[in-house]
PDB file of N, CA and C in Angstrom:
ATOM      1  N   MET A   1      35.639 -55.934 -81.818  1.00  0.00           N
ATOM      2  CA  MET A   1      35.041 -54.960 -82.079  1.00  0.00           C
ATOM      3  C   MET A   1      32.933 -54.813 -80.336  1.00  0.00           C
ATOM      4  N   SER A   2      33.549 -54.176 -80.090  1.00  0.00           N
ATOM      5  CA  SER A   2      32.356 -54.147 -78.679  1.00  0.00           C
ATOM      6  C   SER A   2      32.360 -52.652 -78.599  1.00  0.00           C
ATOM      7  N   ILE A   3      31.198 -53.010 -78.693  1.00  0.00           N
ATOM      8  CA  ILE A   3      29.560 -51.283 -78.552  1.00  0.00           C
ATOM      9  C   ILE A   3      29.860 -51.337 -77.059  1.00  0.00           C
ATOM     10  N   SER A   4      30.341 -49.803 -76.139  1.00  0.00           N
ATOM     11  CA  SER A   4      30.453 -49.643 -75.152  1.00  0.00           C
ATOM     12  C   SER A   4      28.993 -49.417 -74.693  1.00  0.00           C
ATOM     13  N   ILE A   5      28.156 -49.205 -73.157  1.00  0.00           N
ATOM     14  CA  ILE A   5      27.084 -49.712 -72.781  1.00  0.00           C
ATOM     15  C   ILE A   5      26.762 -48.393 -72.994  1.00  0.00           C
ATOM     16  N   SER A   6      27.724 -47.491 -72.711  1.00  0.00           N
ATOM     17  CA  SER A   6      27.511 -45.023 -73.080  1.00  0.00           C
ATOM     18  C   SER A   6      27.045 -45.481 -74.501  1.00  0.00           C
ATOM     19  N   ASN A   7      28.289 -46.327 -75.383  1.00  0.00           N
ATOM     20  CA  ASN A   7      27.633 -45.745 -77.089  1.00  0.00           C
ATOM     21  C   ASN A   7      26.065 -46.200 -77.336  1.00  0.00           C
ATOM     22  N   MET A   8      25.791 -47.379 -76.405  1.00  0.00           N
ATOM     23  CA  MET A   8      24.684 -48.023 -77.080  1.00  0.00           C
ATOM     24  C   MET A   8      23.431 -47.129 -76.478  1.00  0.00           C
ATOM     25  N   LYS A   9      24.153 -46.677 -75.649  1.00  0.00           N
ATOM     26  CA  LYS A   9      23.071 -45.966 -74.654  1.00  0.00           C
ATOM     27  C   LYS A   9      22.534 -44.383 -76.151  1.00  0.00           C
ATOM     28  N   ARG A  10      23.757 -43.828 -76.601  1.00  0.00           N
ATOM     29  CA  ARG A  10      23.745 -42.972 -77.144  1.00  0.00           C
ATOM     30  C   ARG A  10      23.329 -43.265 -78.512  1.00  0.00           C
ATOM     31  N   LEU A  11      22.838 -44.502 -78.945  1.00  0.00           N
ATOM     32  CA  LEU A  11      22.570 -44.759 -79.923  1.00  0.00           C
ATOM     33  C   LEU A  11      21.074 -45.432 -80.029  1.00  0.00           C
ATOM     34  N   PHE A  12      21.268 -45.709 -79.238  1.00  0.00           N
ATOM     35  CA  PHE A  12      19.271 -45.666 -78.677  1.00  0.00           C
ATOM     36  C   PHE A  12      18.312 -44.299 -78.396  1.00  0.00           C
ATOM     37  N   LEU A  13      19.251 -43.384 -78.258  1.00  0.00           N
ATOM     38  CA  LEU A  13      18.922 -42.537 -77.810  1.00  0.00           C
ATOM     39  C   LEU A  13      18.634 -41.426 -78.566  1.00  0.00           C
ATOM     40  N   LEU A  14      19.527 -41.613 -80.376  1.00  0.00           N
ATOM     41  CA  LEU A  14      19.492 -41.494 -81.452  1.00  0.00           C
ATOM     42  C   LEU A  14      17.815 -41.932 -82.084  1.00  0.00           C
ATOM     43  N   LEU A  15      18.425 -43.662 -82.400  1.00  0.00           N
ATOM     44  CA  LEU A  15      17.281 -43.624 -83.079  1.00  0.00           C
ATOM     45  C   LEU A  15      15.898 -43.354 -82.849  1.00  0.00           C
ATOM     46  N   ALA A  16      16.116 -43.678 -81.472  1.00  0.00           N
ATOM     47  CA  ALA A  16      13.729 -42.873 -80.369  1.00  0.00           C
ATOM     48  C   ALA A  16      13.568 -41.640 -81.314  1.00  0.00           C
ATOM     49  N   THR A  17      15.059 -40.679 -81.384  1.00  0.00           N
ATOM     50  CA  THR A  17      14.452 -39.384 -81.305  1.00  0.00           C
ATOM     51  C   THR A  17      13.935 -39.150 -82.937  1.00  0.00           C
ATOM     52  N   LEU A  18      15.009 -40.565 -83.637  1.00  0.00           N
ATOM     53  CA  LEU A  18      14.827 -39.739 -85.198  1.00  0.00           C
ATOM     54  C   LEU A  18      13.066 -40.901 -85.247  1.00  0.00           C
ATOM     55  N   LEU A  19      12.779 -41.965 -84.595  1.00  0.00           N
ATOM     56  CA  LEU A  19      10.978 -42.224 -84.564  1.00  0.00           C
ATOM     57  C   LEU A  19      10.155 -41.274 -84.932  1.00  0.00           C
ATOM     58  N   ILE A  20      10.700 -40.785 -83.317  1.00  0.00           N
ATOM     59  CA  ILE A  20       9.758 -39.696 -82.641  1.00  0.00           C
ATOM     60  C   ILE A  20       9.389 -38.460 -84.128  1.00  0.00           C
ATOM     61  N   ALA A  21      10.517 -38.503 -84.789  1.00  0.00           N
ATOM     62  CA  ALA A  21      10.754 -36.786 -85.441  1.00  0.00           C
ATOM     63  C   ALA A  21       9.987 -37.613 -86.459  1.00  0.00           C
ATOM     64  N   GLY A  22      10.236 -38.386 -87.094  1.00  0.00           N
ATOM     65  CA  GLY A  22       9.911 -39.171 -88.403  1.00  0.00           C
ATOM     66  C   GLY A  22       7.838 -39.585 -88.070  1.00  0.00           C
ATOM     67  N   CYS A  23       7.593 -39.808 -87.356  1.00  0.00           N
ATOM     68  CA  CYS A  23       6.328 -39.880 -86.618  1.00  0.00           C
ATOM     69  C   CYS A  23       5.296 -38.606 -86.852  1.00  0.00           C
ATOM     70  N   ALA A  24       5.925 -37.943 -86.732  1.00  0.00           N
ATOM     71  CA  ALA A  24       5.460 -36.523 -85.972  1.00  0.00           C
ATOM     72  C   ALA A  24       4.516 -36.620 -86.403  1.00  0.00           C
ATOM     73  N   GLN A  25       3.015 -36.393 -86.178  1.00  0.00           N
ATOM     74  CA  GLN A  25       1.815 -35.646 -86.996  1.00  0.00           C
ATOM     75  C   GLN A  25       2.235 -33.847 -87.806  1.00  0.00           C
ATOM     76  N   GLN A  26       1.853 -33.909 -88.747  1.00  0.00           N
ATOM     77  CA  GLN A  26       2.169 -32.146 -89.825  1.00  0.00           C
ATOM     78  C   GLN A  26       0.732 -32.230 -89.554  1.00  0.00           C
ATOM     79  N   ALA A  27       0.850 -30.538 -89.039  1.00  0.00           N
ATOM     80  CA  ALA A  27      -0.428 -29.785 -89.447  1.00  0.00           C
ATOM     81  C   ALA A  27      -1.638 -29.479 -90.379  1.00  0.00           C
ATOM     82  N   GLY A  28      -2.442 -30.390 -90.502  1.00  0.00           N
ATOM     83  CA  GLY A  28      -3.859 -30.815 -91.021  1.00  0.00           C
ATOM     84  C   GLY A  28      -4.096 -29.394 -92.415  1.00  0.00           C
ATOM     85  N   LYS A  29      -5.250 -29.297 -93.448  1.00  0.00           N
ATOM     86  CA  LYS A  29      -5.078 -28.268 -94.021  1.00  0.00           C
ATOM     87  C   LYS A  29      -6.143 -27.918 -93.431  1.00  0.00           C
ATOM     88  N   LYS A  30      -5.935 -26.541 -93.471  1.00  0.00           N
ATOM     89  CA  LYS A  30      -7.534 -25.960 -92.545  1.00  0.00           C
ATOM     90  C   LYS A  30      -8.256 -25.767 -94.037  1.00  0.00           C
ATOM     91  N   PHE A  31      -9.507 -25.827 -93.912  1.00  0.00           N
ATOM     92  CA  PHE A  31     -10.508 -25.484 -94.529  1.00  0.00           C
ATOM     93  C   PHE A  31     -11.249 -23.865 -94.451  1.00  0.00           C
ATOM     94  N   TYR A  32     -11.695 -22.989 -95.510  1.00  0.00           N
ATOM     95  CA  TYR A  32     -12.111 -21.845 -95.182  1.00  0.00           C
ATOM     96  C   TYR A  32     -13.739 -21.536 -95.758  1.00  0.00           C
ATOM     97  N   MET A  33     -14.650 -20.463 -95.357  1.00  0.00           N
ATOM     98  CA  MET A  33     -15.676 -20.613 -96.632  1.00  0.00           C
ATOM     99  C   MET A  33     -16.264 -19.001 -96.432  1.00  0.00           C
ATOM    100  N   LEU A  34     -16.185 -18.388 -96.752  1.00  0.00           N
ATOM    101  CA  LEU A  34     -17.247 -16.910 -96.980  1.00  0.00           C
ATOM    102  C   LEU A  34     -18.794 -17.367 -96.085  1.00  0.00           C
ATOM    103  N   THR A  35     -18.681 -16.081 -95.334  1.00  0.00           N
ATOM    104  CA  THR A  35     -20.323 -16.152 -95.198  1.00  0.00           C
ATOM    105  C   THR A  35     -20.799 -14.527 -95.210  1.00  0.00           C
ATOM    106  N   ALA A  36     -21.762 -14.421 -95.353  1.00  0.00           N
ATOM    107  CA  ALA A  36     -22.269 -13.327 -95.191  1.00  0.00           C
ATOM    108  C   ALA A  36     -22.494 -12.449 -93.602  1.00  0.00           C
ATOM    109  N   SER A  37     -22.063 -10.996 -94.064  1.00  0.00           N
ATOM    110  CA  SER A  37     -21.885 -10.461 -92.844  1.00  0.00           C
ATOM    111  C   SER A  37     -23.218 -10.073 -91.976  1.00  0.00           C
ATOM    112  N   GLY A  38     -24.375 -10.268 -92.212  1.00  0.00           N
ATOM    113  CA  GLY A  38     -25.761 -10.047 -92.056  1.00  0.00           C
ATOM    114  C   GLY A  38     -26.971 -10.496 -92.760  1.00  0.00           C
ATOM    115  N   PRO A  39     -28.172 -10.500 -92.086  1.00  0.00           N
ATOM    116  CA  PRO A  39     -29.170 -11.574 -92.693  1.00  0.00           C
ATOM    117  C   PRO A  39     -29.130 -11.190 -94.359  1.00  0.00           C
ATOM    118  N   THR A  40     -29.863 -11.555 -95.152  1.00  0.00           N
ATOM    119  CA  THR A  40     -30.309 -11.405 -96.288  1.00  0.00           C
ATOM    120  C   THR A  40     -31.329 -11.032 -96.561  1.00  0.00           C
ATOM    121  N   PRO A  41     -31.473  -9.899 -96.641  1.00  0.00           N
ATOM    122  CA  PRO A  41     -32.681  -9.012 -97.096  1.00  0.00           C
ATOM    123  C   PRO A  41     -33.888  -9.536 -97.584  1.00  0.00           C
ATOM    124  N   SER A  42     -35.226  -9.497 -97.327  1.00  0.00           N
ATOM    125  CA  SER A  42     -36.126  -9.812 -97.704  1.00  0.00           C
ATOM    126  C   SER A  42     -37.082  -9.140 -98.301  1.00  0.00           C
ATOM    127  N   GLY A  43     -38.554  -9.624 -99.596  1.00  0.00           N
ATOM    128  CA  GLY A  43     -38.812  -8.674 -99.698  1.00  0.00           C
ATOM    129  C   GLY A  43     -38.929  -8.326-101.037  1.00  0.00           C
ATOM    130  N   GLY A  44     -39.924  -7.899-101.330  1.00  0.00           N
ATOM    131  CA  GLY A  44     -40.827  -7.444-102.953  1.00  0.00           C
ATOM    132  C   GLY A  44     -39.530  -6.891-103.799  1.00  0.00           C
ATOM    133  N   GLY A  45     -38.753  -6.906-103.271  1.00  0.00           N
ATOM    134  CA  GLY A  45     -37.622  -6.114-103.866  1.00  0.00           C
ATOM    135  C   GLY A  45     -36.909  -6.383-105.656  1.00  0.00           C
ATOM    136  N   VAL A  46     -36.031  -5.529-106.268  1.00  0.00           N
ATOM    137  CA  VAL A  46     -35.721  -6.170-107.458  1.00  0.00           C
ATOM    138  C   VAL A  46     -34.412  -7.121-106.760  1.00  0.00           C
ATOM    139  N   SER A  47     -34.622  -8.286-108.099  1.00  0.00           N
ATOM    140  CA  SER A  47     -33.139  -8.414-107.308  1.00  0.00           C
ATOM    141  C   SER A  47     -32.223  -8.572-109.060  1.00  0.00           C
ATOM    142  N   ILE A  48     -30.890  -8.856-109.209  1.00  0.00           N
ATOM    143  CA  ILE A  48     -30.122  -8.848-109.658  1.00  0.00           C
ATOM    144  C   ILE A  48     -29.319  -9.959-110.150  1.00  0.00           C
ATOM    145  N   GLY A  49     -28.990 -10.699-111.080  1.00  0.00           N
ATOM    146  CA  GLY A  49     -28.264 -12.278-110.506  1.00  0.00           C
ATOM    147  C   GLY A  49     -27.076 -11.635-111.728  1.00  0.00           C
ATOM    148  N   VAL A  50     -25.909 -12.324-111.177  1.00  0.00           N
ATOM    149  CA  VAL A  50     -24.150 -11.700-112.281  1.00  0.00           C
ATOM    150  C   VAL A  50     -23.477 -13.519-112.062  1.00  0.00           C
ATOM    151  N   GLY A  51     -23.043 -13.318-113.989  1.00  0.00           N
ATOM    152  CA  GLY A  51     -22.685 -14.624-114.127  1.00  0.00           C
ATOM    153  C   GLY A  51     -22.713 -14.806-115.193  1.00  0.00           C
ATOM    154  N   PRO A  52     -21.956 -15.742-115.837  1.00  0.00           N
ATOM    155  CA  PRO A  52     -20.905 -16.551-115.202  1.00  0.00           C
ATOM    156  C   PRO A  52     -19.907 -16.011-114.830  1.00  0.00           C
ATOM    157  N   ILE A  53     -19.228 -16.383-113.330  1.00  0.00           N
ATOM    158  CA  ILE A  53     -18.106 -15.309-112.868  1.00  0.00           C
ATOM    159  C   ILE A  53     -16.580 -16.425-113.566  1.00  0.00           C
ATOM    160  N   THR A  54     -15.942 -15.854-114.176  1.00  0.00           N
ATOM    161  CA  THR A  54     -14.737 -16.207-114.595  1.00  0.00           C
ATOM    162  C   THR A  54     -13.486 -15.357-113.690  1.00  0.00           C
ATOM    163  N   LEU A  55     -12.407 -16.200-112.809  1.00  0.00           N
ATOM    164  CA  LEU A  55     -11.451 -15.398-112.251  1.00  0.00           C
ATOM    165  C   LEU A  55     -10.187 -15.871-113.441  1.00  0.00           C
ATOM    166  N   ALA A  56      -8.487 -14.977-113.028  1.00  0.00           N
ATOM    167  CA  ALA A  56      -7.703 -15.273-113.748  1.00  0.00           C
ATOM    168  C   ALA A  56      -7.378 -16.766-113.288  1.00  0.00           C
ATOM    169  N   GLU A  57      -6.541 -17.788-114.568  1.00  0.00           N
ATOM    170  CA  GLU A  57      -5.631 -19.102-114.454  1.00  0.00           C
ATOM    171  C   GLU A  57      -4.864 -18.628-112.646  1.00  0.00           C
ATOM    172  N   TYR A  58      -4.270 -18.269-112.632  1.00  0.00           N
ATOM    173  CA  TYR A  58      -3.737 -17.982-111.050  1.00  0.00           C
ATOM    174  C   TYR A  58      -4.329 -18.143-109.921  1.00  0.00           C
ATOM    175  N   ILE A  59      -5.363 -17.682-109.523  1.00  0.00           N
ATOM    176  CA  ILE A  59      -6.195 -17.753-108.674  1.00  0.00           C
ATOM    177  C   ILE A  59      -7.599 -18.660-109.175  1.00  0.00           C
ATOM    178  N   ASP A  60      -7.625 -19.055-109.298  1.00  0.00           N
ATOM    179  CA  ASP A  60      -8.706 -19.885-109.621  1.00  0.00           C
ATOM    180  C   ASP A  60      -7.920 -21.601-109.612  1.00  0.00           C
ATOM    181  N   ARG A  61      -8.101 -22.028-108.090  1.00  0.00           N
ATOM    182  CA  ARG A  61      -7.767 -22.835-107.741  1.00  0.00           C
ATOM    183  C   ARG A  61      -8.446 -22.990-106.296  1.00  0.00           C
ATOM    184  N   SER A  62      -8.165 -24.124-105.533  1.00  0.00           N
ATOM    185  CA  SER A  62      -8.246 -24.516-104.248  1.00  0.00           C
ATOM    186  C   SER A  62      -7.964 -24.112-103.210  1.00  0.00           C
ATOM    187  N   ASN A  63      -6.530 -24.019-103.626  1.00  0.00           N
ATOM    188  CA  ASN A  63      -6.253 -23.053-102.229  1.00  0.00           C
ATOM    189  C   ASN A  63      -6.075 -21.860-102.104  1.00  0.00           C
ATOM    190  N   LEU A  64      -5.656 -21.394-100.882  1.00  0.00           N
ATOM    191  CA  LEU A  64      -5.761 -19.713-100.925  1.00  0.00           C
ATOM    192  C   LEU A  64      -4.778 -19.157-101.457  1.00  0.00           C
ATOM    193  N   VAL A  65      -4.927 -18.289-101.812  1.00  0.00           N
ATOM    194  CA  VAL A  65      -3.166 -17.072-103.069  1.00  0.00           C
ATOM    195  C   VAL A  65      -3.650 -16.235-102.003  1.00  0.00           C
ATOM    196  N   VAL A  66      -3.088 -15.999-101.731  1.00  0.00           N
ATOM    197  CA  VAL A  66      -2.519 -14.380-100.511  1.00  0.00           C
ATOM    198  C   VAL A  66      -1.373 -12.944-101.465  1.00  0.00           C
ATOM    199  N   GLN A  67      -1.141 -12.195-100.803  1.00  0.00           N
ATOM    200  CA  GLN A  67      -0.533 -11.047-101.538  1.00  0.00           C
ATOM    201  C   GLN A  67       0.214 -11.080-100.176  1.00  0.00           C
ATOM    202  N   GLN A  68       1.647 -10.641-100.792  1.00  0.00           N
ATOM    203  CA  GLN A  68       2.449 -11.059-100.250  1.00  0.00           C
ATOM    204  C   GLN A  68       3.365  -9.882-100.227  1.00  0.00           C
ATOM    205  N   GLY A  69       3.049  -9.277-100.910  1.00  0.00           N
ATOM    206  CA  GLY A  69       3.923  -7.715-101.220  1.00  0.00           C
ATOM    207  C   GLY A  69       2.799  -6.909-102.129  1.00  0.00           C
ATOM    208  N   PRO A  70       3.530  -5.744-103.013  1.00  0.00           N
ATOM    209  CA  PRO A  70       2.496  -5.351-104.162  1.00  0.00           C
ATOM    210  C   PRO A  70       2.619  -6.171-105.418  1.00  0.00           C
ATOM    211  N   ASN A  71       3.865  -6.561-105.068  1.00  0.00           N
ATOM    212  CA  ASN A  71       3.355  -7.735-107.032  1.00  0.00           C
ATOM    213  C   ASN A  71       4.201  -8.847-106.453  1.00  0.00           C
ATOM    214  N   GLN A  72       3.905  -9.566-105.284  1.00  0.00           N
ATOM    215  CA  GLN A  72       4.086 -10.918-105.139  1.00  0.00           C
ATOM    216  C   GLN A  72       2.703 -11.474-104.383  1.00  0.00           C
ATOM    217  N   LEU A  73       2.287 -12.540-105.094  1.00  0.00           N
ATOM    218  CA  LEU A  73       1.835 -13.738-104.297  1.00  0.00           C
ATOM    219  C   LEU A  73       2.136 -15.055-103.695  1.00  0.00           C
ATOM    220  N   ALA A  74       1.456 -15.304-103.059  1.00  0.00           N
ATOM    221  CA  ALA A  74       1.627 -16.815-102.881  1.00  0.00           C
ATOM    222  C   ALA A  74       0.622 -17.972-102.477  1.00  0.00           C
ATOM    223  N   VAL A  75       0.796 -19.034-103.027  1.00  0.00           N
ATOM    224  CA  VAL A  75      -0.317 -20.039-102.599  1.00  0.00           C
ATOM    225  C   VAL A  75      -0.196 -20.602-101.387  1.00  0.00           C
ATOM    226  N   ALA A  76      -0.942 -20.808-100.504  1.00  0.00           N
ATOM    227  CA  ALA A  76      -0.973 -21.710 -99.172  1.00  0.00           C
ATOM    228  C   ALA A  76      -1.183 -22.917 -99.058  1.00  0.00           C
ATOM    229  N   GLU A  77      -0.133 -23.840 -99.384  1.00  0.00           N
ATOM    230  CA  GLU A  77      -0.648 -25.033 -99.716  1.00  0.00           C
ATOM    231  C   GLU A  77      -1.439 -25.485 -98.907  1.00  0.00           C
ATOM    232  N   ASP A  78      -1.491 -25.166 -97.320  1.00  0.00           N
ATOM    233  CA  ASP A  78      -2.296 -25.714 -96.391  1.00  0.00           C
ATOM    234  C   ASP A  78      -3.639 -25.164 -96.205  1.00  0.00           C
ATOM    235  N   HIS A  79      -4.023 -24.131 -96.854  1.00  0.00           N
ATOM    236  CA  HIS A  79      -5.109 -23.633 -96.498  1.00  0.00           C
ATOM    237  C   HIS A  79      -5.977 -23.278 -97.794  1.00  0.00           C
ATOM    238  N   ARG A  80      -7.232 -23.777 -97.773  1.00  0.00           N
ATOM    239  CA  ARG A  80      -8.184 -24.081 -98.817  1.00  0.00           C
ATOM    240  C   ARG A  80      -9.767 -23.325 -98.471  1.00  0.00           C
ATOM    241  N   TRP A  81     -10.454 -23.399-100.084  1.00  0.00           N
ATOM    242  CA  TRP A  81     -11.411 -23.420 -99.495  1.00  0.00           C
ATOM    243  C   TRP A  81     -12.570 -24.145 -99.201  1.00  0.00           C
ATOM    244  N   GLY A  82     -13.498 -24.269 -98.625  1.00  0.00           N
ATOM    245  CA  GLY A  82     -14.128 -25.156 -98.896  1.00  0.00           C
ATOM    246  C   GLY A  82     -14.947 -25.680 -98.994  1.00  0.00           C
ATOM    247  N   TRP A  83     -15.794 -24.417-100.418  1.00  0.00           N
ATOM    248  CA  TRP A  83     -16.229 -25.038-101.556  1.00  0.00           C
ATOM    249  C   TRP A  83     -15.522 -23.541-102.474  1.00  0.00           C
ATOM    250  N   ARG A  84     -15.953 -24.642-103.758  1.00  0.00           N
ATOM    251  CA  ARG A  84     -15.482 -22.805-104.816  1.00  0.00           C
ATOM    252  C   ARG A  84     -16.735 -22.573-105.296  1.00  0.00           C
ATOM    253  N   SER A  85     -17.392 -21.547-104.454  1.00  0.00           N
ATOM    254  CA  SER A  85     -18.960 -21.165-105.110  1.00  0.00           C
ATOM    255  C   SER A  85     -18.767 -20.216-106.253  1.00  0.00           C
ATOM    256  N   PHE A  86     -17.390 -20.048-106.664  1.00  0.00           N
ATOM    257  CA  PHE A  86     -17.589 -19.048-108.497  1.00  0.00           C
ATOM    258  C   PHE A  86     -17.565 -20.169-109.123  1.00  0.00           C
ATOM    259  N   ARG A  87     -17.822 -21.092-108.064  1.00  0.00           N
ATOM    260  CA  ARG A  87     -18.385 -22.204-109.798  1.00  0.00           C
ATOM    261  C   ARG A  87     -19.714 -23.142-109.176  1.00  0.00           C
ATOM    262  N   LEU A  88     -20.692 -22.639-108.589  1.00  0.00           N
ATOM    263  CA  LEU A  88     -21.827 -22.652-108.016  1.00  0.00           C
ATOM    264  C   LEU A  88     -22.953 -22.069-109.326  1.00  0.00           C
ATOM    265  N   TYR A  89     -22.369 -21.328-110.196  1.00  0.00           N
ATOM    266  CA  TYR A  89     -23.268 -21.141-110.719  1.00  0.00           C
ATOM    267  C   TYR A  89     -23.036 -21.148-112.524  1.00  0.00           C
ATOM    268  N   ARG A  90     -23.871 -21.561-113.478  1.00  0.00           N
ATOM    269  CA  ARG A  90     -22.864 -22.431-114.479  1.00  0.00           C
ATOM    270  C   ARG A  90     -24.351 -21.827-115.619  1.00  0.00           C
ATOM    271  N   PRO A  91     -24.422 -21.337-115.699  1.00  0.00           N
ATOM    272  CA  PRO A  91     -25.997 -20.839-117.445  1.00  0.00           C
ATOM    273  C   PRO A  91     -25.995 -22.686-118.026  1.00  0.00           C
ATOM    274  N   GLY A  92     -27.311 -23.236-117.448  1.00  0.00           N
ATOM    275  CA  GLY A  92     -27.506 -24.639-117.533  1.00  0.00           C
ATOM    276  C   GLY A  92     -27.660 -25.614-117.479  1.00  0.00           C
ATOM    277  N   HIS A  93     -27.096 -25.400-116.477  1.00  0.00           N
ATOM    278  CA  HIS A  93     -26.683 -26.347-115.026  1.00  0.00           C
ATOM    279  C   HIS A  93     -27.840 -26.446-113.412  1.00  0.00           C
ATOM    280  N   GLY A  94     -28.603 -26.416-113.767  1.00  0.00           N
ATOM    281  CA  GLY A  94     -29.459 -26.533-113.000  1.00  0.00           C
ATOM    282  C   GLY A  94     -29.895 -25.063-112.767  1.00  0.00           C
ATOM    283  N   HIS A  95     -29.340 -23.981-112.543  1.00  0.00           N
ATOM    284  CA  HIS A  95     -29.815 -22.654-112.634  1.00  0.00           C
ATOM    285  C   HIS A  95     -30.959 -21.951-112.682  1.00  0.00           C
ATOM    286  N   LYS A  96     -32.180 -21.610-112.385  1.00  0.00           N
ATOM    287  CA  LYS A  96     -33.079 -21.417-112.483  1.00  0.00           C
ATOM    288  C   LYS A  96     -33.399 -19.628-112.766  1.00  0.00           C
ATOM    289  N   SER A  97     -33.418 -18.986-113.773  1.00  0.00           N
ATOM    290  CA  SER A  97     -33.894 -17.819-114.310  1.00  0.00           C
ATOM    291  C   SER A  97     -35.003 -17.151-113.080  1.00  0.00           C
ATOM    292  N   GLY A  98     -35.344 -16.179-112.284  1.00  0.00           N
ATOM    293  CA  GLY A  98     -36.243 -15.937-112.105  1.00  0.00           C
ATOM    294  C   GLY A  98     -36.585 -14.658-113.077  1.00  0.00           C
ATOM    295  N   ALA A  99     -36.565 -14.448-114.065  1.00  0.00           N
ATOM    296  CA  ALA A  99     -37.252 -13.676-115.467  1.00  0.00           C
ATOM    297  C   ALA A  99     -38.176 -14.274-115.904  1.00  0.00           C
TER     298      ALA A  99
END
């Protein structure tokens, strides 16, 4: 059984294509943070603290959850929060009250 040069070239091209496709780098995860839209006002005004904050279980995750329709949500697997800010305030965990 002999394999012709033409078939060898086709086989090599196929294997090279599969190798390149298998080694192709996937897009990395993207991280997002919320930032203030402007400077925080300073002065002697009254401050109000709110907490603790709890979220519904279906959005309490590091992935972004986006609304795709009036009644449909989707989890964005490659898009994540840079931090979970809603977990920063926990009573008795280093928060100092101004009162």
